[in-house]
Amino acid sequence: MSRGKAVSLIVAGFLLIAAYPTTSGFWHAYRDKSKVLIGMNVADVFRAVDDWDLCLSTYRNETTKEFGMFNVLKGDQVYRIPKYDKTFTSKEDFVQFVAHEMSNGQAWGSQLTYFAGAIRNTFRVDFDPNGKVRNVAGMVVRP
């Protein structure tokens, strides 16, 4: 192998290693998004997807103009919900909390974000007032 080819292979290897965190976050988000199906309930969705780093869930009642939300920060199987000053170390306890919180008869939307270095990969899941998935929105990739 010539010296030029060897240098090219080494440079290509470094580029692949440098790109791994970005592509890894995208593939985690893409894989989790594909697990969410129309008609799933809130608990089933949050049991199925678990590689996310940040979840923002909101609703707005069109009649009363009431707005509600909570966000969840996740790391190493610890779920922190700053608004309620709660921390869950059990996924099932977290899922029960979310299912209860989102069972108020409102149409909720949840954005699930996957960090990959400086890149954020996000998709949105919209729930109907009965807590069933009615839409799964496409991927958004932002720096």
N, C-alpha and C. Protein backbone atom coordinates (compact mmCIF):
# COMPACT_ATOMS: atom_id res chain seq x y z
N MET A 1 0.86 -1.17 0.00
CA MET A 1 0.00 0.00 0.00
C MET A 1 0.90 1.23 0.00
N SER A 2 0.53 2.19 -0.82
CA SER A 2 1.34 3.40 -0.90
C SER A 2 1.12 4.26 0.33
N ARG A 3 2.03 5.15 0.54
CA ARG A 3 1.97 6.04 1.71
C ARG A 3 0.73 6.93 1.64
N GLY A 4 0.39 7.42 0.45
CA GLY A 4 -0.79 8.27 0.27
C GLY A 4 -2.08 7.56 0.63
N LYS A 5 -2.20 6.28 0.23
CA LYS A 5 -3.40 5.51 0.55
C LYS A 5 -3.50 5.26 2.05
N ALA A 6 -2.36 4.98 2.69
CA ALA A 6 -2.36 4.73 4.13
C ALA A 6 -2.81 5.98 4.89
N VAL A 7 -2.29 7.13 4.48
CA VAL A 7 -2.68 8.40 5.13
C VAL A 7 -4.17 8.65 4.89
N SER A 8 -4.66 8.38 3.68
CA SER A 8 -6.07 8.57 3.38
C SER A 8 -6.96 7.68 4.24
N LEU A 9 -6.56 6.44 4.43
CA LEU A 9 -7.34 5.53 5.28
C LEU A 9 -7.34 5.99 6.73
N ILE A 10 -6.22 6.48 7.21
CA ILE A 10 -6.15 6.97 8.60
C ILE A 10 -7.05 8.19 8.77
N VAL A 11 -7.01 9.12 7.82
CA VAL A 11 -7.86 10.32 7.89
C VAL A 11 -9.33 9.91 7.83
N ALA A 12 -9.67 8.99 6.94
CA ALA A 12 -11.06 8.52 6.84
C ALA A 12 -11.50 7.87 8.15
N GLY A 13 -10.63 7.11 8.79
CA GLY A 13 -10.94 6.49 10.07
C GLY A 13 -11.22 7.53 11.14
N PHE A 14 -10.40 8.57 11.22
CA PHE A 14 -10.62 9.64 12.20
C PHE A 14 -11.94 10.36 11.94
N LEU A 15 -12.27 10.58 10.66
CA LEU A 15 -13.54 11.24 10.34
C LEU A 15 -14.73 10.39 10.76
N LEU A 16 -14.65 9.09 10.56
CA LEU A 16 -15.73 8.19 10.98
C LEU A 16 -15.89 8.19 12.49
N ILE A 17 -14.79 8.14 13.21
CA ILE A 17 -14.84 8.17 14.67
C ILE A 17 -15.42 9.49 15.16
N ALA A 18 -15.03 10.60 14.53
CA ALA A 18 -15.54 11.92 14.94
C ALA A 18 -17.03 12.05 14.65
N ALA A 19 -17.51 11.41 13.60
CA ALA A 19 -18.92 11.53 13.22
C ALA A 19 -19.81 10.58 14.01
N TYR A 20 -19.24 9.60 14.71
CA TYR A 20 -20.05 8.59 15.40
C TYR A 20 -21.07 9.17 16.38
N PRO A 21 -20.69 10.11 17.27
CA PRO A 21 -21.70 10.60 18.21
C PRO A 21 -22.90 11.23 17.52
N THR A 22 -22.68 11.96 16.44
CA THR A 22 -23.78 12.60 15.72
C THR A 22 -24.68 11.56 15.08
N THR A 23 -24.10 10.60 14.40
CA THR A 23 -24.92 9.58 13.74
C THR A 23 -25.57 8.67 14.76
N SER A 24 -24.90 8.43 15.88
CA SER A 24 -25.46 7.58 16.93
C SER A 24 -26.75 8.19 17.48
N GLY A 25 -26.74 9.48 17.78
CA GLY A 25 -27.94 10.15 18.28
C GLY A 25 -29.07 10.11 17.28
N PHE A 26 -28.75 10.29 16.01
CA PHE A 26 -29.77 10.24 14.97
C PHE A 26 -30.39 8.85 14.90
N TRP A 27 -29.55 7.82 14.92
CA TRP A 27 -30.07 6.45 14.79
C TRP A 27 -30.87 6.03 16.01
N HIS A 28 -30.46 6.48 17.21
CA HIS A 28 -31.27 6.19 18.40
C HIS A 28 -32.66 6.81 18.25
N ALA A 29 -32.71 8.07 17.81
CA ALA A 29 -33.99 8.75 17.64
C ALA A 29 -34.82 8.08 16.54
N TYR A 30 -34.18 7.77 15.44
CA TYR A 30 -34.89 7.13 14.32
C TYR A 30 -35.46 5.77 14.74
N ARG A 31 -34.66 4.99 15.46
CA ARG A 31 -35.12 3.67 15.91
C ARG A 31 -36.28 3.80 16.89
N ASP A 32 -36.15 4.71 17.87
CA ASP A 32 -37.24 4.90 18.84
C ASP A 32 -38.51 5.41 18.15
N LYS A 33 -38.36 6.33 17.20
CA LYS A 33 -39.52 6.86 16.48
C LYS A 33 -40.27 5.74 15.77
N SER A 34 -39.54 4.79 15.22
CA SER A 34 -40.18 3.70 14.49
C SER A 34 -40.94 2.75 15.42
N LYS A 35 -40.67 2.80 16.72
CA LYS A 35 -41.37 1.95 17.69
C LYS A 35 -42.74 2.51 18.07
N VAL A 36 -42.95 3.80 17.84
CA VAL A 36 -44.21 4.46 18.23
C VAL A 36 -45.23 4.29 17.11
N LEU A 37 -46.37 3.70 17.45
CA LEU A 37 -47.41 3.42 16.47
C LEU A 37 -48.70 4.14 16.82
N ILE A 38 -49.44 4.52 15.79
CA ILE A 38 -50.74 5.16 15.99
C ILE A 38 -51.61 4.22 16.82
N GLY A 39 -52.27 4.77 17.84
CA GLY A 39 -53.16 3.98 18.69
C GLY A 39 -52.53 3.51 19.99
N MET A 40 -51.19 3.57 20.10
CA MET A 40 -50.54 3.18 21.37
C MET A 40 -50.97 4.15 22.46
N ASN A 41 -51.01 3.67 23.71
CA ASN A 41 -51.32 4.58 24.81
C ASN A 41 -50.03 5.18 25.37
N VAL A 42 -50.19 6.18 26.23
CA VAL A 42 -49.05 6.92 26.78
C VAL A 42 -48.04 5.98 27.43
N ALA A 43 -48.52 5.07 28.28
CA ALA A 43 -47.62 4.17 28.99
C ALA A 43 -46.83 3.29 28.02
N ASP A 44 -47.51 2.78 27.00
CA ASP A 44 -46.82 1.92 26.02
C ASP A 44 -45.74 2.69 25.27
N VAL A 45 -46.00 3.94 24.94
CA VAL A 45 -45.00 4.75 24.24
C VAL A 45 -43.76 4.93 25.10
N PHE A 46 -43.96 5.32 26.36
CA PHE A 46 -42.80 5.58 27.21
C PHE A 46 -42.10 4.30 27.67
N ARG A 47 -42.77 3.18 27.56
CA ARG A 47 -42.09 1.90 27.80
C ARG A 47 -41.25 1.51 26.58
N ALA A 48 -41.72 1.87 25.39
CA ALA A 48 -41.06 1.46 24.14
C ALA A 48 -39.83 2.30 23.82
N VAL A 49 -39.86 3.59 24.13
CA VAL A 49 -38.74 4.48 23.79
C VAL A 49 -37.99 4.83 25.06
N ASP A 50 -36.69 4.71 25.02
CA ASP A 50 -35.94 4.99 26.25
C ASP A 50 -34.52 5.49 26.02
N ASP A 51 -34.14 5.81 24.80
CA ASP A 51 -32.79 6.31 24.57
C ASP A 51 -32.74 7.83 24.54
N TRP A 52 -33.87 8.50 24.78
CA TRP A 52 -33.93 9.95 24.73
C TRP A 52 -33.23 10.57 25.94
N ASP A 53 -32.91 11.86 25.82
CA ASP A 53 -32.25 12.60 26.89
C ASP A 53 -33.15 13.68 27.51
N LEU A 54 -34.09 14.20 26.72
CA LEU A 54 -34.97 15.27 27.18
C LEU A 54 -36.35 15.06 26.60
N CYS A 55 -37.37 15.20 27.43
CA CYS A 55 -38.75 15.09 26.96
C CYS A 55 -39.50 16.33 27.44
N LEU A 56 -40.18 16.97 26.53
CA LEU A 56 -41.03 18.12 26.86
C LEU A 56 -42.45 17.76 26.45
N SER A 57 -43.37 17.74 27.41
CA SER A 57 -44.76 17.40 27.15
C SER A 57 -45.65 18.58 27.49
N THR A 58 -46.56 18.91 26.57
CA THR A 58 -47.41 20.08 26.75
C THR A 58 -48.84 19.80 26.27
N TYR A 59 -49.76 20.62 26.76
CA TYR A 59 -51.13 20.64 26.23
C TYR A 59 -51.66 22.05 26.33
N ARG A 60 -52.66 22.35 25.50
CA ARG A 60 -53.35 23.64 25.56
C ARG A 60 -54.82 23.37 25.32
N ASN A 61 -55.63 23.70 26.29
CA ASN A 61 -57.08 23.53 26.17
C ASN A 61 -57.61 24.70 25.34
N GLU A 62 -58.17 24.40 24.17
CA GLU A 62 -58.66 25.44 23.27
C GLU A 62 -59.85 26.21 23.85
N THR A 63 -60.64 25.57 24.71
CA THR A 63 -61.81 26.23 25.28
C THR A 63 -61.42 27.19 26.39
N THR A 64 -60.64 26.72 27.35
CA THR A 64 -60.28 27.54 28.51
C THR A 64 -58.97 28.29 28.34
N LYS A 65 -58.22 27.94 27.29
CA LYS A 65 -56.88 28.51 27.03
C LYS A 65 -55.88 28.11 28.11
N GLU A 66 -56.23 27.09 28.90
CA GLU A 66 -55.32 26.58 29.93
C GLU A 66 -54.14 25.88 29.24
N PHE A 67 -52.96 26.07 29.80
CA PHE A 67 -51.74 25.48 29.25
C PHE A 67 -51.07 24.67 30.37
N GLY A 68 -50.61 23.50 30.04
CA GLY A 68 -49.91 22.67 31.02
C GLY A 68 -48.68 22.06 30.39
N MET A 69 -47.69 21.79 31.20
CA MET A 69 -46.47 21.19 30.67
C MET A 69 -45.64 20.58 31.78
N PHE A 70 -44.73 19.70 31.38
CA PHE A 70 -43.67 19.23 32.25
C PHE A 70 -42.53 18.78 31.36
N ASN A 71 -41.33 18.87 31.89
CA ASN A 71 -40.18 18.37 31.15
C ASN A 71 -39.45 17.34 31.99
N VAL A 72 -38.78 16.45 31.30
CA VAL A 72 -38.07 15.36 31.97
C VAL A 72 -36.65 15.32 31.44
N LEU A 73 -35.70 15.30 32.35
CA LEU A 73 -34.30 15.14 32.00
C LEU A 73 -33.89 13.73 32.39
N LYS A 74 -33.30 13.00 31.45
CA LYS A 74 -32.96 11.61 31.71
C LYS A 74 -31.47 11.39 31.55
N GLY A 75 -30.94 10.62 32.46
CA GLY A 75 -29.54 10.23 32.37
C GLY A 75 -29.30 9.01 33.21
N ASP A 76 -28.68 8.00 32.64
CA ASP A 76 -28.35 6.77 33.36
C ASP A 76 -29.54 6.20 34.13
N GLN A 77 -30.68 6.12 33.47
CA GLN A 77 -31.91 5.55 34.04
C GLN A 77 -32.42 6.32 35.27
N VAL A 78 -32.10 7.61 35.34
CA VAL A 78 -32.67 8.48 36.36
C VAL A 78 -33.51 9.52 35.63
N TYR A 79 -34.76 9.63 36.00
CA TYR A 79 -35.70 10.54 35.36
C TYR A 79 -35.97 11.70 36.32
N ARG A 80 -35.56 12.92 35.94
CA ARG A 80 -35.76 14.09 36.80
C ARG A 80 -36.83 14.98 36.19
N ILE A 81 -37.80 15.36 37.02
CA ILE A 81 -38.88 16.24 36.59
C ILE A 81 -38.80 17.49 37.46
N PRO A 82 -38.06 18.52 36.99
CA PRO A 82 -37.81 19.70 37.83
C PRO A 82 -39.08 20.41 38.29
N LYS A 83 -40.11 20.50 37.44
CA LYS A 83 -41.33 21.23 37.81
C LYS A 83 -41.95 20.68 39.09
N TYR A 84 -41.90 19.38 39.27
CA TYR A 84 -42.49 18.75 40.44
C TYR A 84 -41.45 18.34 41.48
N ASP A 85 -40.20 18.69 41.22
CA ASP A 85 -39.10 18.32 42.10
C ASP A 85 -39.13 16.82 42.41
N LYS A 86 -39.30 16.03 41.35
CA LYS A 86 -39.36 14.58 41.49
C LYS A 86 -38.23 13.93 40.73
N THR A 87 -37.77 12.82 41.26
CA THR A 87 -36.76 12.00 40.60
C THR A 87 -37.20 10.55 40.70
N PHE A 88 -37.14 9.85 39.58
CA PHE A 88 -37.49 8.43 39.54
C PHE A 88 -36.27 7.63 39.10
N THR A 89 -35.99 6.56 39.79
CA THR A 89 -34.90 5.66 39.38
C THR A 89 -35.45 4.40 38.74
N SER A 90 -36.75 4.22 38.80
CA SER A 90 -37.41 3.07 38.19
C SER A 90 -38.16 3.54 36.95
N LYS A 91 -37.92 2.88 35.84
CA LYS A 91 -38.62 3.25 34.61
C LYS A 91 -40.12 3.08 34.78
N GLU A 92 -40.54 2.00 35.42
CA GLU A 92 -41.98 1.76 35.59
C GLU A 92 -42.63 2.84 36.45
N ASP A 93 -41.96 3.31 37.52
CA ASP A 93 -42.51 4.40 38.33
C ASP A 93 -42.63 5.67 37.48
N PHE A 94 -41.62 5.94 36.65
CA PHE A 94 -41.67 7.10 35.77
C PHE A 94 -42.83 6.98 34.78
N VAL A 95 -42.99 5.81 34.17
CA VAL A 95 -44.07 5.59 33.20
C VAL A 95 -45.43 5.81 33.87
N GLN A 96 -45.60 5.32 35.08
CA GLN A 96 -46.86 5.52 35.80
C GLN A 96 -47.11 7.00 36.07
N PHE A 97 -46.06 7.75 36.45
CA PHE A 97 -46.19 9.19 36.68
C PHE A 97 -46.66 9.89 35.40
N VAL A 98 -46.00 9.59 34.28
CA VAL A 98 -46.34 10.25 33.01
C VAL A 98 -47.77 9.88 32.59
N ALA A 99 -48.12 8.61 32.69
CA ALA A 99 -49.47 8.18 32.32
C ALA A 99 -50.52 8.90 33.17
N HIS A 100 -50.26 9.04 34.46
CA HIS A 100 -51.20 9.75 35.34
C HIS A 100 -51.26 11.24 34.97
N GLU A 101 -50.11 11.86 34.76
CA GLU A 101 -50.04 13.29 34.45
C GLU A 101 -50.79 13.60 33.14
N MET A 102 -50.69 12.71 32.18
CA MET A 102 -51.26 12.96 30.87
C MET A 102 -52.68 12.38 30.72
N SER A 103 -53.31 12.00 31.83
CA SER A 103 -54.67 11.42 31.78
C SER A 103 -55.73 12.43 32.20
N ASN A 104 -55.49 13.70 31.94
CA ASN A 104 -56.44 14.74 32.37
C ASN A 104 -57.46 15.10 31.29
N GLY A 105 -57.58 14.27 30.25
CA GLY A 105 -58.57 14.52 29.21
C GLY A 105 -58.16 15.56 28.19
N GLN A 106 -56.88 15.93 28.19
CA GLN A 106 -56.37 16.90 27.23
C GLN A 106 -55.57 16.19 26.14
N ALA A 107 -55.44 16.83 25.00
CA ALA A 107 -54.60 16.32 23.91
C ALA A 107 -53.18 16.80 24.14
N TRP A 108 -52.31 15.90 24.53
CA TRP A 108 -50.92 16.22 24.84
C TRP A 108 -50.03 16.03 23.62
N GLY A 109 -48.91 16.72 23.63
CA GLY A 109 -47.86 16.51 22.65
C GLY A 109 -46.55 16.35 23.39
N SER A 110 -45.74 15.39 23.00
CA SER A 110 -44.44 15.16 23.65
C SER A 110 -43.34 15.22 22.60
N GLN A 111 -42.33 16.02 22.89
CA GLN A 111 -41.15 16.08 22.04
C GLN A 111 -40.04 15.30 22.74
N LEU A 112 -39.48 14.33 22.04
CA LEU A 112 -38.40 13.52 22.58
C LEU A 112 -37.12 13.91 21.87
N THR A 113 -36.12 14.34 22.65
CA THR A 113 -34.87 14.84 22.09
C THR A 113 -33.73 13.94 22.50
N TYR A 114 -32.86 13.69 21.54
CA TYR A 114 -31.68 12.83 21.69
C TYR A 114 -30.46 13.70 21.42
N PHE A 115 -29.60 13.85 22.42
CA PHE A 115 -28.40 14.67 22.24
C PHE A 115 -27.30 13.83 21.60
N ALA A 116 -26.58 14.45 20.70
CA ALA A 116 -25.45 13.80 20.04
C ALA A 116 -24.37 14.85 19.88
N GLY A 117 -23.58 15.04 20.93
CA GLY A 117 -22.60 16.12 20.89
C GLY A 117 -23.36 17.44 20.86
N ALA A 118 -23.04 18.26 19.86
CA ALA A 118 -23.71 19.56 19.72
C ALA A 118 -25.01 19.46 18.93
N ILE A 119 -25.34 18.29 18.42
CA ILE A 119 -26.52 18.09 17.59
C ILE A 119 -27.66 17.52 18.43
N ARG A 120 -28.87 18.05 18.20
CA ARG A 120 -30.07 17.54 18.85
C ARG A 120 -30.98 16.92 17.80
N ASN A 121 -31.44 15.71 18.06
CA ASN A 121 -32.37 15.02 17.17
C ASN A 121 -33.69 14.89 17.92
N THR A 122 -34.77 15.37 17.32
CA THR A 122 -36.06 15.43 18.01
C THR A 122 -37.18 14.92 17.11
N PHE A 123 -38.12 14.19 17.72
CA PHE A 123 -39.38 13.89 17.04
C PHE A 123 -40.51 14.12 18.03
N ARG A 124 -41.71 14.27 17.50
CA ARG A 124 -42.87 14.63 18.31
C ARG A 124 -43.93 13.54 18.22
N VAL A 125 -44.55 13.28 19.37
CA VAL A 125 -45.67 12.34 19.44
C VAL A 125 -46.88 13.12 19.95
N ASP A 126 -47.96 13.09 19.18
CA ASP A 126 -49.20 13.76 19.58
C ASP A 126 -50.20 12.73 20.06
N PHE A 127 -50.79 13.01 21.23
CA PHE A 127 -51.77 12.12 21.84
C PHE A 127 -53.15 12.77 21.77
N ASP A 128 -54.19 11.96 21.61
CA ASP A 128 -55.56 12.50 21.64
C ASP A 128 -55.99 12.64 23.11
N PRO A 129 -57.17 13.21 23.38
CA PRO A 129 -57.61 13.39 24.77
C PRO A 129 -57.75 12.09 25.56
N ASN A 130 -57.81 10.95 24.89
CA ASN A 130 -57.90 9.66 25.56
C ASN A 130 -56.53 9.04 25.82
N GLY A 131 -55.47 9.76 25.49
CA GLY A 131 -54.11 9.27 25.74
C GLY A 131 -53.60 8.28 24.70
N LYS A 132 -54.18 8.29 23.50
CA LYS A 132 -53.75 7.40 22.42
C LYS A 132 -52.97 8.22 21.39
N VAL A 133 -51.93 7.61 20.80
CA VAL A 133 -51.13 8.29 19.79
C VAL A 133 -52.01 8.55 18.56
N ARG A 134 -52.03 9.80 18.13
CA ARG A 134 -52.77 10.14 16.90
C ARG A 134 -51.83 10.57 15.78
N ASN A 135 -50.57 10.93 16.12
CA ASN A 135 -49.63 11.37 15.10
C ASN A 135 -48.20 11.22 15.64
N VAL A 136 -47.29 10.85 14.75
CA VAL A 136 -45.86 10.83 15.07
C VAL A 136 -45.20 11.69 14.01
N ALA A 137 -44.64 12.83 14.44
CA ALA A 137 -44.08 13.79 13.49
C ALA A 137 -42.64 13.43 13.15
N GLY A 138 -42.19 13.92 12.02
CA GLY A 138 -40.86 13.62 11.50
C GLY A 138 -39.71 14.12 12.36
N MET A 139 -38.53 13.69 11.98
CA MET A 139 -37.31 14.04 12.71
C MET A 139 -36.87 15.46 12.40
N VAL A 140 -36.39 16.13 13.43
CA VAL A 140 -35.79 17.45 13.28
C VAL A 140 -34.39 17.35 13.85
N VAL A 141 -33.41 17.80 13.09
CA VAL A 141 -32.02 17.77 13.53
C VAL A 141 -31.55 19.21 13.61
N ARG A 142 -31.08 19.64 14.79
CA ARG A 142 -30.64 21.01 15.01
C ARG A 142 -29.28 21.05 15.68
N PRO A 143 -28.50 22.04 15.32
CA PRO A 143 -27.22 22.20 16.05
C PRO A 143 -27.44 22.85 17.39
